[in-house]
Amino acid sequence: MKRILEFLFVNKYYKMDNHQLELEAAKYKIGGYGIGGRVVRERIIEQLLKKDEANNSRIAIFVSILALVISIISLFLSFK
């Protein structure tokens, strides 16, 4: 359950250290977050959040899973 919540919410970026943030940025080919050879966390997080806002499939996945669970529950209740 905890992993599902981490997937749905973006506060996971704030919990990452600089190395993890760099790996996440590289995974999505996000650049321009270094100034003077120094990693700027806020800039990486800002760009990752923009990426997440543009990709609202997480919400669609959540709604689909919720609909599936409700359907299964209603199916079991109709058999009683």
N, C-alpha and C. Protein backbone atom coordinates (compact mmCIF):
# COMPACT_ATOMS: atom_id res chain seq x y z
N MET A 1 0.83 -1.19 0.00
CA MET A 1 0.00 0.00 0.00
C MET A 1 0.87 1.26 0.00
N LYS A 2 1.95 1.22 0.78
CA LYS A 2 2.84 2.39 0.86
C LYS A 2 3.47 2.70 -0.49
N ARG A 3 3.85 1.65 -1.23
CA ARG A 3 4.47 1.84 -2.54
C ARG A 3 3.47 2.42 -3.54
N ILE A 4 2.20 2.04 -3.39
CA ILE A 4 1.17 2.58 -4.27
C ILE A 4 1.00 4.07 -4.01
N LEU A 5 0.97 4.45 -2.74
CA LEU A 5 0.83 5.86 -2.40
C LEU A 5 2.04 6.66 -2.87
N GLU A 6 3.24 6.08 -2.75
CA GLU A 6 4.44 6.77 -3.23
C GLU A 6 4.37 6.95 -4.74
N PHE A 7 3.79 6.00 -5.44
CA PHE A 7 3.65 6.11 -6.89
C PHE A 7 2.69 7.22 -7.27
N LEU A 8 1.61 7.37 -6.51
CA LEU A 8 0.58 8.33 -6.85
C LEU A 8 0.94 9.77 -6.48
N PHE A 9 1.71 9.95 -5.43
CA PHE A 9 2.00 11.30 -4.97
C PHE A 9 3.44 11.69 -5.28
N VAL A 10 3.67 12.99 -5.42
CA VAL A 10 4.96 13.47 -5.88
C VAL A 10 5.91 13.85 -4.75
N ASN A 11 5.49 13.75 -3.50
CA ASN A 11 6.38 14.13 -2.41
C ASN A 11 7.60 13.20 -2.32
N LYS A 12 7.61 12.14 -3.10
CA LYS A 12 8.75 11.24 -3.12
C LYS A 12 10.00 11.96 -3.61
N TYR A 13 9.84 12.96 -4.47
CA TYR A 13 11.00 13.69 -4.98
C TYR A 13 11.71 14.45 -3.87
N TYR A 14 10.95 14.96 -2.92
CA TYR A 14 11.55 15.71 -1.82
C TYR A 14 12.31 14.81 -0.86
N LYS A 15 11.97 13.54 -0.83
CA LYS A 15 12.63 12.58 0.06
C LYS A 15 13.92 12.02 -0.54
N MET A 16 14.12 12.19 -1.86
CA MET A 16 15.30 11.64 -2.53
C MET A 16 16.54 12.48 -2.23
N ASP A 17 17.68 11.81 -2.20
CA ASP A 17 18.93 12.57 -2.09
C ASP A 17 19.34 13.04 -3.49
N ASN A 18 20.42 13.83 -3.55
CA ASN A 18 20.83 14.42 -4.84
C ASN A 18 21.14 13.37 -5.89
N HIS A 19 21.78 12.28 -5.49
CA HIS A 19 22.13 11.24 -6.46
C HIS A 19 20.87 10.60 -7.05
N GLN A 20 19.91 10.29 -6.19
CA GLN A 20 18.66 9.69 -6.66
C GLN A 20 17.91 10.65 -7.58
N LEU A 21 17.94 11.95 -7.25
CA LEU A 21 17.28 12.93 -8.10
C LEU A 21 17.96 13.01 -9.46
N GLU A 22 19.29 12.96 -9.46
CA GLU A 22 20.01 12.99 -10.74
C GLU A 22 19.66 11.77 -11.59
N LEU A 23 19.57 10.60 -10.96
CA LEU A 23 19.20 9.39 -11.69
C LEU A 23 17.79 9.50 -12.26
N GLU A 24 16.89 10.04 -11.47
CA GLU A 24 15.50 10.20 -11.92
C GLU A 24 15.44 11.20 -13.08
N ALA A 25 16.21 12.28 -12.98
CA ALA A 25 16.24 13.27 -14.06
C ALA A 25 16.84 12.67 -15.33
N ALA A 26 17.89 11.87 -15.17
CA ALA A 26 18.52 11.24 -16.33
C ALA A 26 17.58 10.23 -16.98
N LYS A 27 16.78 9.56 -16.17
CA LYS A 27 15.82 8.57 -16.68
C LYS A 27 14.82 9.21 -17.64
N TYR A 28 14.44 10.45 -17.36
CA TYR A 28 13.47 11.15 -18.20
C TYR A 28 14.13 12.20 -19.10
N LYS A 29 15.47 12.12 -19.18
CA LYS A 29 16.25 13.03 -20.03
C LYS A 29 15.99 14.50 -19.70
N ILE A 30 15.95 14.78 -18.40
CA ILE A 30 15.78 16.15 -17.92
C ILE A 30 17.17 16.71 -17.63
N GLY A 31 17.47 17.84 -18.21
CA GLY A 31 18.78 18.45 -18.01
C GLY A 31 18.65 19.89 -17.56
N GLY A 32 19.78 20.55 -17.45
CA GLY A 32 19.79 21.96 -17.07
C GLY A 32 19.54 22.20 -15.61
N TYR A 33 19.94 21.28 -14.78
CA TYR A 33 19.70 21.43 -13.34
C TYR A 33 20.97 21.70 -12.56
N GLY A 34 22.08 21.83 -13.26
CA GLY A 34 23.34 22.11 -12.58
C GLY A 34 23.77 23.54 -12.82
N ILE A 35 24.23 24.19 -11.76
CA ILE A 35 24.74 25.55 -11.86
C ILE A 35 26.12 25.57 -11.23
N GLY A 36 27.12 25.87 -12.03
CA GLY A 36 28.49 25.93 -11.51
C GLY A 36 28.99 24.60 -10.98
N GLY A 37 28.60 23.51 -11.62
CA GLY A 37 29.03 22.20 -11.17
C GLY A 37 28.31 21.71 -9.94
N ARG A 38 27.27 22.39 -9.54
CA ARG A 38 26.51 22.05 -8.34
C ARG A 38 25.09 21.67 -8.74
N VAL A 39 24.56 20.65 -8.11
CA VAL A 39 23.20 20.19 -8.39
C VAL A 39 22.21 21.08 -7.64
N VAL A 40 21.21 21.55 -8.37
CA VAL A 40 20.17 22.38 -7.76
C VAL A 40 18.91 21.52 -7.62
N ARG A 41 18.69 21.06 -6.39
CA ARG A 41 17.58 20.15 -6.10
C ARG A 41 16.23 20.72 -6.53
N GLU A 42 16.02 21.99 -6.19
CA GLU A 42 14.73 22.62 -6.48
C GLU A 42 14.43 22.60 -7.98
N ARG A 43 15.47 22.79 -8.76
CA ARG A 43 15.27 22.82 -10.22
C ARG A 43 14.90 21.43 -10.75
N ILE A 44 15.58 20.40 -10.24
CA ILE A 44 15.24 19.03 -10.66
C ILE A 44 13.81 18.70 -10.25
N ILE A 45 13.49 18.99 -8.99
CA ILE A 45 12.16 18.66 -8.48
C ILE A 45 11.09 19.42 -9.27
N GLU A 46 11.35 20.70 -9.57
CA GLU A 46 10.40 21.49 -10.34
C GLU A 46 10.16 20.87 -11.71
N GLN A 47 11.22 20.43 -12.36
CA GLN A 47 11.07 19.82 -13.68
C GLN A 47 10.38 18.47 -13.61
N LEU A 48 10.67 17.69 -12.57
CA LEU A 48 10.00 16.40 -12.41
C LEU A 48 8.50 16.60 -12.12
N LEU A 49 8.17 17.61 -11.34
CA LEU A 49 6.76 17.89 -11.06
C LEU A 49 6.03 18.33 -12.32
N LYS A 50 6.68 19.12 -13.15
CA LYS A 50 6.07 19.52 -14.42
C LYS A 50 5.84 18.31 -15.31
N LYS A 51 6.80 17.39 -15.30
CA LYS A 51 6.65 16.15 -16.07
C LYS A 51 5.44 15.36 -15.57
N ASP A 52 5.30 15.28 -14.25
CA ASP A 52 4.18 14.54 -13.67
C ASP A 52 2.84 15.21 -13.98
N GLU A 53 2.81 16.53 -13.95
CA GLU A 53 1.57 17.24 -14.26
C GLU A 53 1.17 17.02 -15.71
N ALA A 54 2.16 16.95 -16.59
CA ALA A 54 1.88 16.72 -18.00
C ALA A 54 1.40 15.29 -18.24
N ASN A 55 1.85 14.39 -17.39
CA ASN A 55 1.49 12.98 -17.54
C ASN A 55 0.50 12.61 -16.44
N ASN A 56 -0.76 12.82 -16.71
CA ASN A 56 -1.80 12.55 -15.71
C ASN A 56 -2.27 11.10 -15.74
N SER A 57 -1.48 10.22 -16.29
CA SER A 57 -1.90 8.83 -16.37
C SER A 57 -1.98 8.19 -14.99
N ARG A 58 -1.29 8.75 -14.01
CA ARG A 58 -1.38 8.21 -12.64
C ARG A 58 -2.80 8.30 -12.13
N ILE A 59 -3.44 9.41 -12.40
CA ILE A 59 -4.82 9.59 -11.96
C ILE A 59 -5.73 8.59 -12.68
N ALA A 60 -5.49 8.41 -13.96
CA ALA A 60 -6.29 7.45 -14.73
C ALA A 60 -6.09 6.03 -14.20
N ILE A 61 -4.87 5.69 -13.85
CA ILE A 61 -4.58 4.37 -13.29
C ILE A 61 -5.32 4.19 -11.97
N PHE A 62 -5.26 5.20 -11.12
CA PHE A 62 -5.93 5.13 -9.82
C PHE A 62 -7.44 4.96 -10.00
N VAL A 63 -8.03 5.74 -10.89
CA VAL A 63 -9.47 5.65 -11.13
C VAL A 63 -9.83 4.27 -11.68
N SER A 64 -9.01 3.74 -12.56
CA SER A 64 -9.27 2.41 -13.13
C SER A 64 -9.19 1.33 -12.07
N ILE A 65 -8.20 1.40 -11.22
CA ILE A 65 -8.06 0.41 -10.14
C ILE A 65 -9.24 0.51 -9.18
N LEU A 66 -9.63 1.74 -8.85
CA LEU A 66 -10.77 1.93 -7.96
C LEU A 66 -12.05 1.37 -8.58
N ALA A 67 -12.25 1.60 -9.86
CA ALA A 67 -13.43 1.07 -10.55
C ALA A 67 -13.41 -0.46 -10.55
N LEU A 68 -12.24 -1.03 -10.75
CA LEU A 68 -12.12 -2.49 -10.75
C LEU A 68 -12.44 -3.06 -9.37
N VAL A 69 -11.94 -2.43 -8.33
CA VAL A 69 -12.22 -2.91 -6.96
C VAL A 69 -13.71 -2.80 -6.66
N ILE A 70 -14.32 -1.69 -7.02
CA ILE A 70 -15.76 -1.53 -6.79
C ILE A 70 -16.55 -2.57 -7.57
N SER A 71 -16.15 -2.84 -8.79
CA SER A 71 -16.83 -3.86 -9.60
C SER A 71 -16.72 -5.24 -8.97
N ILE A 72 -15.55 -5.57 -8.48
CA ILE A 72 -15.35 -6.89 -7.84
C ILE A 72 -16.18 -6.99 -6.57
N ILE A 73 -16.20 -5.92 -5.79
CA ILE A 73 -16.99 -5.95 -4.55
C ILE A 73 -18.47 -6.10 -4.87
N SER A 74 -18.94 -5.34 -5.86
CA SER A 74 -20.37 -5.45 -6.21
C SER A 74 -20.70 -6.82 -6.77
N LEU A 75 -19.75 -7.43 -7.48
CA LEU A 75 -19.97 -8.77 -8.01
C LEU A 75 -20.12 -9.79 -6.87
N PHE A 76 -19.25 -9.69 -5.85
CA PHE A 76 -19.36 -10.60 -4.72
C PHE A 76 -20.64 -10.36 -3.93
N LEU A 77 -21.07 -9.11 -3.80
CA LEU A 77 -22.28 -8.82 -3.06
C LEU A 77 -23.52 -9.30 -3.80
N SER A 78 -23.47 -9.34 -5.11
CA SER A 78 -24.64 -9.78 -5.87
C SER A 78 -24.84 -11.29 -5.80
N PHE A 79 -23.79 -12.03 -5.48
CA PHE A 79 -23.90 -13.49 -5.38
C PHE A 79 -24.46 -13.94 -4.03
N LYS A 80 -24.52 -13.06 -3.07
CA LYS A 80 -25.01 -13.46 -1.73
C LYS A 80 -26.48 -13.48 -1.65
